[in-house]
mmCIF file of all heavy atoms, coordinates in Angstrom:
data_MODEL
# 
_entry.id   MODEL 
# 
loop_
_atom_site.group_PDB 
_atom_site.id 
_atom_site.type_symbol 
_atom_site.label_atom_id 
_atom_site.label_alt_id 
_atom_site.label_comp_id 
_atom_site.label_asym_id 
_atom_site.label_entity_id 
_atom_site.label_seq_id 
_atom_site.pdbx_PDB_ins_code 
_atom_site.Cartn_x 
_atom_site.Cartn_y 
_atom_site.Cartn_z 
_atom_site.occupancy 
_atom_site.B_iso_or_equiv 
_atom_site.pdbx_formal_charge 
_atom_site.auth_seq_id 
_atom_site.auth_comp_id 
_atom_site.auth_asym_id 
_atom_site.auth_atom_id 
_atom_site.pdbx_PDB_model_num 
ATOM 1   N N   . ARG A 1 1  ? 3.669  -1.976 11.618 1.00 0.00 ? 1  ARG A N   1 
ATOM 2   C CA  . ARG A 1 1  ? 4.915  -1.505 10.999 1.00 0.00 ? 1  ARG A CA  1 
ATOM 3   C C   . ARG A 1 1  ? 5.377  -0.197 11.607 1.00 0.00 ? 1  ARG A C   1 
ATOM 4   O O   . ARG A 1 1  ? 6.543  0.057  11.771 1.00 0.00 ? 1  ARG A O   1 
ATOM 5   C CB  . ARG A 1 1  ? 4.708  -1.351 9.479  1.00 0.00 ? 1  ARG A CB  1 
ATOM 6   C CG  . ARG A 1 1  ? 5.948  -0.995 8.756  1.00 0.00 ? 1  ARG A CG  1 
ATOM 7   C CD  . ARG A 1 1  ? 5.697  -0.814 7.255  1.00 0.00 ? 1  ARG A CD  1 
ATOM 8   N NE  . ARG A 1 1  ? 6.882  -0.399 6.523  1.00 0.00 ? 1  ARG A NE  1 
ATOM 9   C CZ  . ARG A 1 1  ? 6.898  -0.064 5.256  1.00 0.00 ? 1  ARG A CZ  1 
ATOM 10  N NH1 . ARG A 1 1  ? 5.766  -0.090 4.538  1.00 0.00 ? 1  ARG A NH1 1 
ATOM 11  N NH2 . ARG A 1 1  ? 8.010  0.358  4.694  1.00 0.00 ? 1  ARG A NH2 1 
ATOM 12  N N   . TRP A 1 2  ? 4.399  0.681  11.911 1.00 0.00 ? 2  TRP A N   1 
ATOM 13  C CA  . TRP A 1 2  ? 4.701  1.992  12.486 1.00 0.00 ? 2  TRP A CA  1 
ATOM 14  C C   . TRP A 1 2  ? 3.898  2.183  13.776 1.00 0.00 ? 2  TRP A C   1 
ATOM 15  O O   . TRP A 1 2  ? 2.793  1.678  13.925 1.00 0.00 ? 2  TRP A O   1 
ATOM 16  C CB  . TRP A 1 2  ? 4.333  3.126  11.534 1.00 0.00 ? 2  TRP A CB  1 
ATOM 17  C CG  . TRP A 1 2  ? 4.880  2.959  10.159 1.00 0.00 ? 2  TRP A CG  1 
ATOM 18  C CD1 . TRP A 1 2  ? 4.178  2.594  9.036  1.00 0.00 ? 2  TRP A CD1 1 
ATOM 19  C CD2 . TRP A 1 2  ? 6.214  3.210  9.714  1.00 0.00 ? 2  TRP A CD2 1 
ATOM 20  N NE1 . TRP A 1 2  ? 5.015  2.585  7.954  1.00 0.00 ? 2  TRP A NE1 1 
ATOM 21  C CE2 . TRP A 1 2  ? 6.272  2.960  8.317  1.00 0.00 ? 2  TRP A CE2 1 
ATOM 22  C CE3 . TRP A 1 2  ? 7.407  3.603  10.358 1.00 0.00 ? 2  TRP A CE3 1 
ATOM 23  C CZ2 . TRP A 1 2  ? 7.413  3.087  7.576  1.00 0.00 ? 2  TRP A CZ2 1 
ATOM 24  C CZ3 . TRP A 1 2  ? 8.540  3.752  9.628  1.00 0.00 ? 2  TRP A CZ3 1 
ATOM 25  C CH2 . TRP A 1 2  ? 8.561  3.471  8.244  1.00 0.00 ? 2  TRP A CH2 1 
ATOM 26  N N   . THR A 1 3  ? 4.488  2.911  14.701 1.00 0.00 ? 3  THR A N   1 
ATOM 27  C CA  . THR A 1 3  ? 3.728  3.300  15.900 1.00 0.00 ? 3  THR A CA  1 
ATOM 28  C C   . THR A 1 3  ? 2.859  4.527  15.570 1.00 0.00 ? 3  THR A C   1 
ATOM 29  O O   . THR A 1 3  ? 3.096  5.210  14.558 1.00 0.00 ? 3  THR A O   1 
ATOM 30  C CB  . THR A 1 3  ? 4.636  3.647  17.078 1.00 0.00 ? 3  THR A CB  1 
ATOM 31  O OG1 . THR A 1 3  ? 5.398  4.834  16.734 1.00 0.00 ? 3  THR A OG1 1 
ATOM 32  C CG2 . THR A 1 3  ? 5.570  2.493  17.384 1.00 0.00 ? 3  THR A CG2 1 
ATOM 33  N N   . LYS A 1 4  ? 1.856  4.796  16.396 1.00 0.00 ? 4  LYS A N   1 
ATOM 34  C CA  . LYS A 1 4  ? 1.017  5.966  16.146 1.00 0.00 ? 4  LYS A CA  1 
ATOM 35  C C   . LYS A 1 4  ? 1.837  7.252  16.225 1.00 0.00 ? 4  LYS A C   1 
ATOM 36  O O   . LYS A 1 4  ? 1.552  8.194  15.485 1.00 0.00 ? 4  LYS A O   1 
ATOM 37  C CB  . LYS A 1 4  ? -0.140 5.977  17.178 1.00 0.00 ? 4  LYS A CB  1 
ATOM 38  C CG  . LYS A 1 4  ? -1.120 4.843  16.971 1.00 0.00 ? 4  LYS A CG  1 
ATOM 39  C CD  . LYS A 1 4  ? -2.277 4.952  18.001 1.00 0.00 ? 4  LYS A CD  1 
ATOM 40  C CE  . LYS A 1 4  ? -3.292 3.806  17.759 1.00 0.00 ? 4  LYS A CE  1 
ATOM 41  N NZ  . LYS A 1 4  ? -4.364 3.844  18.754 1.00 0.00 ? 4  LYS A NZ  1 
ATOM 42  N N   . LYS A 1 5  ? 2.801  7.283  17.120 1.00 0.00 ? 5  LYS A N   1 
ATOM 43  C CA  . LYS A 1 5  ? 3.652  8.491  17.242 1.00 0.00 ? 5  LYS A CA  1 
ATOM 44  C C   . LYS A 1 5  ? 4.445  8.714  15.955 1.00 0.00 ? 5  LYS A C   1 
ATOM 45  O O   . LYS A 1 5  ? 4.563  9.868  15.515 1.00 0.00 ? 5  LYS A O   1 
ATOM 46  C CB  . LYS A 1 5  ? 4.562  8.334  18.442 1.00 0.00 ? 5  LYS A CB  1 
ATOM 47  C CG  . LYS A 1 5  ? 5.419  9.551  18.712 1.00 0.00 ? 5  LYS A CG  1 
ATOM 48  C CD  . LYS A 1 5  ? 6.321  9.367  19.944 1.00 0.00 ? 5  LYS A CD  1 
ATOM 49  C CE  . LYS A 1 5  ? 7.098  10.625 20.256 1.00 0.00 ? 5  LYS A CE  1 
ATOM 50  N NZ  . LYS A 1 5  ? 7.890  11.138 19.153 1.00 0.00 ? 5  LYS A NZ  1 
ATOM 51  N N   . GLN A 1 6  ? 4.998  7.644  15.406 1.00 0.00 ? 6  GLN A N   1 
ATOM 52  C CA  . GLN A 1 6  ? 5.777  7.774  14.174 1.00 0.00 ? 6  GLN A CA  1 
ATOM 53  C C   . GLN A 1 6  ? 4.935  8.292  13.042 1.00 0.00 ? 6  GLN A C   1 
ATOM 54  O O   . GLN A 1 6  ? 5.368  9.159  12.248 1.00 0.00 ? 6  GLN A O   1 
ATOM 55  C CB  . GLN A 1 6  ? 6.412  6.429  13.809 1.00 0.00 ? 6  GLN A CB  1 
ATOM 56  C CG  . GLN A 1 6  ? 7.542  6.008  14.701 1.00 0.00 ? 6  GLN A CG  1 
ATOM 57  C CD  . GLN A 1 6  ? 8.038  4.588  14.387 1.00 0.00 ? 6  GLN A CD  1 
ATOM 58  O OE1 . GLN A 1 6  ? 7.234  3.681  14.102 1.00 0.00 ? 6  GLN A OE1 1 
ATOM 59  N NE2 . GLN A 1 6  ? 9.340  4.368  14.447 1.00 0.00 ? 6  GLN A NE2 1 
ATOM 60  N N   . ALA A 1 7  ? 3.706  7.749  12.901 1.00 0.00 ? 7  ALA A N   1 
ATOM 61  C CA  . ALA A 1 7  ? 2.807  8.171  11.848 1.00 0.00 ? 7  ALA A CA  1 
ATOM 62  C C   . ALA A 1 7  ? 2.402  9.641  12.022 1.00 0.00 ? 7  ALA A C   1 
ATOM 63  O O   . ALA A 1 7  ? 2.412  10.425 11.079 1.00 0.00 ? 7  ALA A O   1 
ATOM 64  C CB  . ALA A 1 7  ? 1.543  7.302  11.854 1.00 0.00 ? 7  ALA A CB  1 
ATOM 65  N N   . LEU A 1 8  ? 2.136  10.040 13.279 1.00 0.00 ? 8  LEU A N   1 
ATOM 66  C CA  . LEU A 1 8  ? 1.736  11.398 13.575 1.00 0.00 ? 8  LEU A CA  1 
ATOM 67  C C   . LEU A 1 8  ? 2.889  12.370 13.281 1.00 0.00 ? 8  LEU A C   1 
ATOM 68  O O   . LEU A 1 8  ? 2.665  13.456 12.684 1.00 0.00 ? 8  LEU A O   1 
ATOM 69  C CB  . LEU A 1 8  ? 1.315  11.524 15.044 1.00 0.00 ? 8  LEU A CB  1 
ATOM 70  C CG  . LEU A 1 8  ? 0.731  12.906 15.446 1.00 0.00 ? 8  LEU A CG  1 
ATOM 71  C CD1 . LEU A 1 8  ? -0.480 13.275 14.649 1.00 0.00 ? 8  LEU A CD1 1 
ATOM 72  C CD2 . LEU A 1 8  ? 0.379  12.845 16.965 1.00 0.00 ? 8  LEU A CD2 1 
ATOM 73  N N   . ASP A 1 9  ? 4.098  11.995 13.636 1.00 0.00 ? 9  ASP A N   1 
ATOM 74  C CA  . ASP A 1 9  ? 5.266  12.829 13.397 1.00 0.00 ? 9  ASP A CA  1 
ATOM 75  C C   . ASP A 1 9  ? 5.466  13.030 11.879 1.00 0.00 ? 9  ASP A C   1 
ATOM 76  O O   . ASP A 1 9  ? 5.817  14.137 11.444 1.00 0.00 ? 9  ASP A O   1 
ATOM 77  C CB  . ASP A 1 9  ? 6.500  12.206 14.016 1.00 0.00 ? 9  ASP A CB  1 
ATOM 78  C CG  . ASP A 1 9  ? 6.513  12.303 15.525 1.00 0.00 ? 9  ASP A CG  1 
ATOM 79  O OD1 . ASP A 1 9  ? 5.733  13.132 16.066 1.00 0.00 ? 9  ASP A OD1 1 
ATOM 80  O OD2 . ASP A 1 9  ? 7.284  11.555 16.180 1.00 0.00 ? 9  ASP A OD2 1 
ATOM 81  N N   . SER A 1 10 ? 5.255  11.971 11.104 1.00 0.00 ? 10 SER A N   1 
ATOM 82  C CA  . SER A 1 10 ? 5.441  12.062 9.632  1.00 0.00 ? 10 SER A CA  1 
ATOM 83  C C   . SER A 1 10 ? 4.396  12.984 9.035  1.00 0.00 ? 10 SER A C   1 
ATOM 84  O O   . SER A 1 10 ? 4.709  13.777 8.132  1.00 0.00 ? 10 SER A O   1 
ATOM 85  C CB  . SER A 1 10 ? 5.342  10.645 8.988  1.00 0.00 ? 10 SER A CB  1 
ATOM 86  O OG  . SER A 1 10 ? 6.392  9.849  9.468  1.00 0.00 ? 10 SER A OG  1 
ATOM 87  N N   . VAL A 1 11 ? 3.161  12.884 9.499  1.00 0.00 ? 11 VAL A N   1 
ATOM 88  C CA  . VAL A 1 11 ? 2.065  13.745 8.981  1.00 0.00 ? 11 VAL A CA  1 
ATOM 89  C C   . VAL A 1 11 ? 2.404  15.208 9.306  1.00 0.00 ? 11 VAL A C   1 
ATOM 90  O O   . VAL A 1 11 ? 2.284  16.101 8.442  1.00 0.00 ? 11 VAL A O   1 
ATOM 91  C CB  . VAL A 1 11 ? 0.727  13.351 9.629  1.00 0.00 ? 11 VAL A CB  1 
ATOM 92  C CG1 . VAL A 1 11 ? -0.347 14.387 9.258  1.00 0.00 ? 11 VAL A CG1 1 
ATOM 93  C CG2 . VAL A 1 11 ? 0.294  11.993 9.127  1.00 0.00 ? 11 VAL A CG2 1 
ATOM 94  N N   . ARG A 1 12 ? 2.792  15.487 10.514 1.00 0.00 ? 12 ARG A N   1 
ATOM 95  C CA  . ARG A 1 12 ? 3.171  16.860 10.915 1.00 0.00 ? 12 ARG A CA  1 
ATOM 96  C C   . ARG A 1 12 ? 4.333  17.384 10.095 1.00 0.00 ? 12 ARG A C   1 
ATOM 97  O O   . ARG A 1 12 ? 4.352  18.528 9.677  1.00 0.00 ? 12 ARG A O   1 
ATOM 98  C CB  . ARG A 1 12 ? 3.520  16.897 12.409 1.00 0.00 ? 12 ARG A CB  1 
ATOM 99  C CG  . ARG A 1 12 ? 2.328  16.777 13.335 1.00 0.00 ? 12 ARG A CG  1 
ATOM 100 C CD  . ARG A 1 12 ? 2.766  16.630 14.768 1.00 0.00 ? 12 ARG A CD  1 
ATOM 101 N NE  . ARG A 1 12 ? 1.675  16.606 15.691 1.00 0.00 ? 12 ARG A NE  1 
ATOM 102 C CZ  . ARG A 1 12 ? 1.732  16.261 16.955 1.00 0.00 ? 12 ARG A CZ  1 
ATOM 103 N NH1 . ARG A 1 12 ? 2.925  15.934 17.469 1.00 0.00 ? 12 ARG A NH1 1 
ATOM 104 N NH2 . ARG A 1 12 ? 0.689  16.259 17.722 1.00 0.00 ? 12 ARG A NH2 1 
ATOM 105 N N   . LYS A 1 13 ? 5.322  16.521 9.877  1.00 0.00 ? 13 LYS A N   1 
ATOM 106 C CA  . LYS A 1 13 ? 6.505  16.922 9.120  1.00 0.00 ? 13 LYS A CA  1 
ATOM 107 C C   . LYS A 1 13 ? 6.158  17.327 7.703  1.00 0.00 ? 13 LYS A C   1 
ATOM 108 O O   . LYS A 1 13 ? 6.645  18.384 7.171  1.00 0.00 ? 13 LYS A O   1 
ATOM 109 C CB  . LYS A 1 13 ? 7.496  15.764 9.121  1.00 0.00 ? 13 LYS A CB  1 
ATOM 110 C CG  . LYS A 1 13 ? 8.853  16.120 8.505  1.00 0.00 ? 13 LYS A CG  1 
ATOM 111 C CD  . LYS A 1 13 ? 9.811  14.942 8.641  1.00 0.00 ? 13 LYS A CD  1 
ATOM 112 C CE  . LYS A 1 13 ? 11.167 15.248 8.082  1.00 0.00 ? 13 LYS A CE  1 
ATOM 113 N NZ  . LYS A 1 13 ? 12.101 14.073 8.198  1.00 0.00 ? 13 LYS A NZ  1 
ATOM 114 N N   . VAL A 1 14 ? 5.325  16.569 7.012  1.00 0.00 ? 14 VAL A N   1 
ATOM 115 C CA  . VAL A 1 14 ? 4.945  16.832 5.634  1.00 0.00 ? 14 VAL A CA  1 
ATOM 116 C C   . VAL A 1 14 ? 4.129  18.137 5.525  1.00 0.00 ? 14 VAL A C   1 
ATOM 117 O O   . VAL A 1 14 ? 4.393  18.995 4.701  1.00 0.00 ? 14 VAL A O   1 
ATOM 118 C CB  . VAL A 1 14 ? 4.157  15.665 5.025  1.00 0.00 ? 14 VAL A CB  1 
ATOM 119 C CG1 . VAL A 1 14 ? 3.521  16.068 3.697  1.00 0.00 ? 14 VAL A CG1 1 
ATOM 120 C CG2 . VAL A 1 14 ? 5.051  14.451 4.872  1.00 0.00 ? 14 VAL A CG2 1 
ATOM 121 N N   . PHE A 1 15 ? 3.129  18.297 6.418  1.00 0.00 ? 15 PHE A N   1 
ATOM 122 C CA  . PHE A 1 15 ? 2.251  19.442 6.328  1.00 0.00 ? 15 PHE A CA  1 
ATOM 123 C C   . PHE A 1 15 ? 2.895  20.712 6.881  1.00 0.00 ? 15 PHE A C   1 
ATOM 124 O O   . PHE A 1 15 ? 2.396  21.818 6.568  1.00 0.00 ? 15 PHE A O   1 
ATOM 125 C CB  . PHE A 1 15 ? 0.908  19.187 7.057  1.00 0.00 ? 15 PHE A CB  1 
ATOM 126 C CG  . PHE A 1 15 ? -0.013 18.271 6.278  1.00 0.00 ? 15 PHE A CG  1 
ATOM 127 C CD1 . PHE A 1 15 ? -0.104 16.926 6.567  1.00 0.00 ? 15 PHE A CD1 1 
ATOM 128 C CD2 . PHE A 1 15 ? -0.776 18.750 5.219  1.00 0.00 ? 15 PHE A CD2 1 
ATOM 129 C CE1 . PHE A 1 15 ? -0.941 16.082 5.861  1.00 0.00 ? 15 PHE A CE1 1 
ATOM 130 C CE2 . PHE A 1 15 ? -1.635 17.941 4.514  1.00 0.00 ? 15 PHE A CE2 1 
ATOM 131 C CZ  . PHE A 1 15 ? -1.695 16.590 4.828  1.00 0.00 ? 15 PHE A CZ  1 
ATOM 132 N N   . THR A 1 16 ? 3.894  20.554 7.679  1.00 0.00 ? 16 THR A N   1 
ATOM 133 C CA  . THR A 1 16 ? 4.600  21.761 8.211  1.00 0.00 ? 16 THR A CA  1 
ATOM 134 C C   . THR A 1 16 ? 5.538  22.330 7.169  1.00 0.00 ? 16 THR A C   1 
ATOM 135 O O   . THR A 1 16 ? 5.632  23.533 6.977  1.00 0.00 ? 16 THR A O   1 
ATOM 136 C CB  . THR A 1 16 ? 5.398  21.386 9.465  1.00 0.00 ? 16 THR A CB  1 
ATOM 137 O OG1 . THR A 1 16 ? 4.502  20.896 10.432 1.00 0.00 ? 16 THR A OG1 1 
ATOM 138 C CG2 . THR A 1 16 ? 6.128  22.641 10.044 1.00 0.00 ? 16 THR A CG2 1 
ATOM 139 N N   . LYS A 1 17 ? 6.188  21.456 6.407  1.00 0.00 ? 17 LYS A N   1 
ATOM 140 C CA  . LYS A 1 17 ? 7.204  21.906 5.435  1.00 0.00 ? 17 LYS A CA  1 
ATOM 141 C C   . LYS A 1 17 ? 6.589  22.404 4.133  1.00 0.00 ? 17 LYS A C   1 
ATOM 142 O O   . LYS A 1 17 ? 7.149  23.259 3.459  1.00 0.00 ? 17 LYS A O   1 
ATOM 143 C CB  . LYS A 1 17 ? 8.150  20.727 5.074  1.00 0.00 ? 17 LYS A CB  1 
ATOM 144 C CG  . LYS A 1 17 ? 9.188  20.460 6.167  1.00 0.00 ? 17 LYS A CG  1 
ATOM 145 C CD  . LYS A 1 17 ? 10.181 19.411 5.711  1.00 0.00 ? 17 LYS A CD  1 
ATOM 146 C CE  . LYS A 1 17 ? 11.309 19.228 6.734  1.00 0.00 ? 17 LYS A CE  1 
ATOM 147 N NZ  . LYS A 1 17 ? 12.305 18.223 6.259  1.00 0.00 ? 17 LYS A NZ  1 
ATOM 148 N N   . LYS A 1 18 ? 5.421  21.832 3.722  1.00 0.00 ? 18 LYS A N   1 
ATOM 149 C CA  . LYS A 1 18 ? 4.850  22.163 2.438  1.00 0.00 ? 18 LYS A CA  1 
ATOM 150 C C   . LYS A 1 18 ? 3.469  22.776 2.535  1.00 0.00 ? 18 LYS A C   1 
ATOM 151 O O   . LYS A 1 18 ? 2.657  22.381 3.375  1.00 0.00 ? 18 LYS A O   1 
ATOM 152 C CB  . LYS A 1 18 ? 4.760  20.882 1.581  1.00 0.00 ? 18 LYS A CB  1 
ATOM 153 C CG  . LYS A 1 18 ? 6.124  20.272 1.246  1.00 0.00 ? 18 LYS A CG  1 
ATOM 154 C CD  . LYS A 1 18 ? 5.910  19.048 0.350  1.00 0.00 ? 18 LYS A CD  1 
ATOM 155 C CE  . LYS A 1 18 ? 7.270  18.423 -0.018 1.00 0.00 ? 18 LYS A CE  1 
ATOM 156 N NZ  . LYS A 1 18 ? 7.092  17.278 -0.916 1.00 0.00 ? 18 LYS A NZ  1 
ATOM 157 N N   . ALA A 1 19 ? 3.239  23.732 1.677  1.00 0.00 ? 19 ALA A N   1 
ATOM 158 C CA  . ALA A 1 19 ? 1.891  24.342 1.589  1.00 0.00 ? 19 ALA A CA  1 
ATOM 159 C C   . ALA A 1 19 ? 0.974  23.419 0.815  1.00 0.00 ? 19 ALA A C   1 
ATOM 160 O O   . ALA A 1 19 ? -0.235 23.316 1.106  1.00 0.00 ? 19 ALA A O   1 
ATOM 161 C CB  . ALA A 1 19 ? 1.965  25.712 0.946  1.00 0.00 ? 19 ALA A CB  1 
ATOM 162 N N   . GLU A 1 20 ? 1.552  22.730 -0.150 1.00 0.00 ? 20 GLU A N   1 
ATOM 163 C CA  . GLU A 1 20 ? 0.740  21.797 -0.965 1.00 0.00 ? 20 GLU A CA  1 
ATOM 164 C C   . GLU A 1 20 ? 1.424  20.421 -0.880 1.00 0.00 ? 20 GLU A C   1 
ATOM 165 O O   . GLU A 1 20 ? 2.619  20.292 -0.890 1.00 0.00 ? 20 GLU A O   1 
ATOM 166 C CB  . GLU A 1 20 ? 0.693  22.257 -2.430 1.00 0.00 ? 20 GLU A CB  1 
ATOM 167 C CG  . GLU A 1 20 ? -0.107 23.540 -2.628 1.00 0.00 ? 20 GLU A CG  1 
ATOM 168 C CD  . GLU A 1 20 ? -0.257 23.898 -4.097 1.00 0.00 ? 20 GLU A CD  1 
ATOM 169 O OE1 . GLU A 1 20 ? 0.205  23.103 -4.948 1.00 0.00 ? 20 GLU A OE1 1 
ATOM 170 O OE2 . GLU A 1 20 ? -0.818 24.932 -4.382 1.00 0.00 ? 20 GLU A OE2 1 
ATOM 171 N N   . THR A 1 21 ? 0.561  19.409 -0.830 1.00 0.00 ? 21 THR A N   1 
ATOM 172 C CA  . THR A 1 21 ? 1.056  18.035 -0.759 1.00 0.00 ? 21 THR A CA  1 
ATOM 173 C C   . THR A 1 21 ? 0.565  17.244 -1.932 1.00 0.00 ? 21 THR A C   1 
ATOM 174 O O   . THR A 1 21 ? -0.620 17.347 -2.318 1.00 0.00 ? 21 THR A O   1 
ATOM 175 C CB  . THR A 1 21 ? 0.526  17.352 0.537  1.00 0.00 ? 21 THR A CB  1 
ATOM 176 O OG1 . THR A 1 21 ? 0.856  18.232 1.651  1.00 0.00 ? 21 THR A OG1 1 
ATOM 177 C CG2 . THR A 1 21 ? 1.145  16.013 0.756  1.00 0.00 ? 21 THR A CG2 1 
ATOM 178 N N   . SER A 1 22 ? 1.452  16.499 -2.555 1.00 0.00 ? 22 SER A N   1 
ATOM 179 C CA  . SER A 1 22 ? 1.120  15.721 -3.744 1.00 0.00 ? 22 SER A CA  1 
ATOM 180 C C   . SER A 1 22 ? 0.243  14.532 -3.368 1.00 0.00 ? 22 SER A C   1 
ATOM 181 O O   . SER A 1 22 ? 0.191  14.107 -2.221 1.00 0.00 ? 22 SER A O   1 
ATOM 182 C CB  . SER A 1 22 ? 2.361  15.254 -4.458 1.00 0.00 ? 22 SER A CB  1 
ATOM 183 O OG  . SER A 1 22 ? 3.036  14.313 -3.649 1.00 0.00 ? 22 SER A OG  1 
ATOM 184 N N   . LEU A 1 23 ? -0.443 13.999 -4.406 1.00 0.00 ? 23 LEU A N   1 
ATOM 185 C CA  . LEU A 1 23 ? -1.310 12.841 -4.161 1.00 0.00 ? 23 LEU A CA  1 
ATOM 186 C C   . LEU A 1 23 ? -0.558 11.627 -3.705 1.00 0.00 ? 23 LEU A C   1 
ATOM 187 O O   . LEU A 1 23 ? -1.016 10.885 -2.844 1.00 0.00 ? 23 LEU A O   1 
ATOM 188 C CB  . LEU A 1 23 ? -2.057 12.516 -5.469 1.00 0.00 ? 23 LEU A CB  1 
ATOM 189 C CG  . LEU A 1 23 ? -3.131 11.397 -5.427 1.00 0.00 ? 23 LEU A CG  1 
ATOM 190 C CD1 . LEU A 1 23 ? -4.211 11.729 -4.436 1.00 0.00 ? 23 LEU A CD1 1 
ATOM 191 C CD2 . LEU A 1 23 ? -3.733 11.177 -6.806 1.00 0.00 ? 23 LEU A CD2 1 
ATOM 192 N N   . SER A 1 24 ? 0.634  11.455 -4.283 1.00 0.00 ? 24 SER A N   1 
ATOM 193 C CA  . SER A 1 24 ? 1.473  10.275 -3.886 1.00 0.00 ? 24 SER A CA  1 
ATOM 194 C C   . SER A 1 24 ? 1.903  10.343 -2.415 1.00 0.00 ? 24 SER A C   1 
ATOM 195 O O   . SER A 1 24 ? 1.934  9.356  -1.715 1.00 0.00 ? 24 SER A O   1 
ATOM 196 C CB  . SER A 1 24 ? 2.694  10.182 -4.801 1.00 0.00 ? 24 SER A CB  1 
ATOM 197 O OG  . SER A 1 24 ? 3.522  11.335 -4.648 1.00 0.00 ? 24 SER A OG  1 
ATOM 198 N N   . GLU A 1 25 ? 2.195  11.584 -1.982 1.00 0.00 ? 25 GLU A N   1 
ATOM 199 C CA  . GLU A 1 25 ? 2.569  11.779 -0.560 1.00 0.00 ? 25 GLU A CA  1 
ATOM 200 C C   . GLU A 1 25 ? 1.402  11.493 0.358  1.00 0.00 ? 25 GLU A C   1 
ATOM 201 O O   . GLU A 1 25 ? 1.562  10.901 1.438  1.00 0.00 ? 25 GLU A O   1 
ATOM 202 C CB  . GLU A 1 25 ? 3.113  13.219 -0.348 1.00 0.00 ? 25 GLU A CB  1 
ATOM 203 C CG  . GLU A 1 25 ? 4.505  13.430 -0.891 1.00 0.00 ? 25 GLU A CG  1 
ATOM 204 C CD  . GLU A 1 25 ? 4.938  14.858 -0.731 1.00 0.00 ? 25 GLU A CD  1 
ATOM 205 O OE1 . GLU A 1 25 ? 4.113  15.781 -1.018 1.00 0.00 ? 25 GLU A OE1 1 
ATOM 206 O OE2 . GLU A 1 25 ? 6.111  15.081 -0.325 1.00 0.00 ? 25 GLU A OE2 1 
ATOM 207 N N   . LEU A 1 26 ? 0.220  11.913 -0.058 1.00 0.00 ? 26 LEU A N   1 
ATOM 208 C CA  . LEU A 1 26 ? -0.996 11.667 0.724  1.00 0.00 ? 26 LEU A CA  1 
ATOM 209 C C   . LEU A 1 26 ? -1.253 10.174 0.844  1.00 0.00 ? 26 LEU A C   1 
ATOM 210 O O   . LEU A 1 26 ? -1.646 9.674  1.882  1.00 0.00 ? 26 LEU A O   1 
ATOM 211 C CB  . LEU A 1 26 ? -2.176 12.367 0.126  1.00 0.00 ? 26 LEU A CB  1 
ATOM 212 C CG  . LEU A 1 26 ? -2.246 13.898 0.291  1.00 0.00 ? 26 LEU A CG  1 
ATOM 213 C CD1 . LEU A 1 26 ? -3.403 14.499 -0.485 1.00 0.00 ? 26 LEU A CD1 1 
ATOM 214 C CD2 . LEU A 1 26 ? -2.336 14.274 1.776  1.00 0.00 ? 26 LEU A CD2 1 
# 
């Protein structure tokens, strides 16, 4: 469904913008 690059970009985007990440986002 997703490429490795897309998944990596999403992970970076979430952890760059927020200091804390919710369980649902994880």
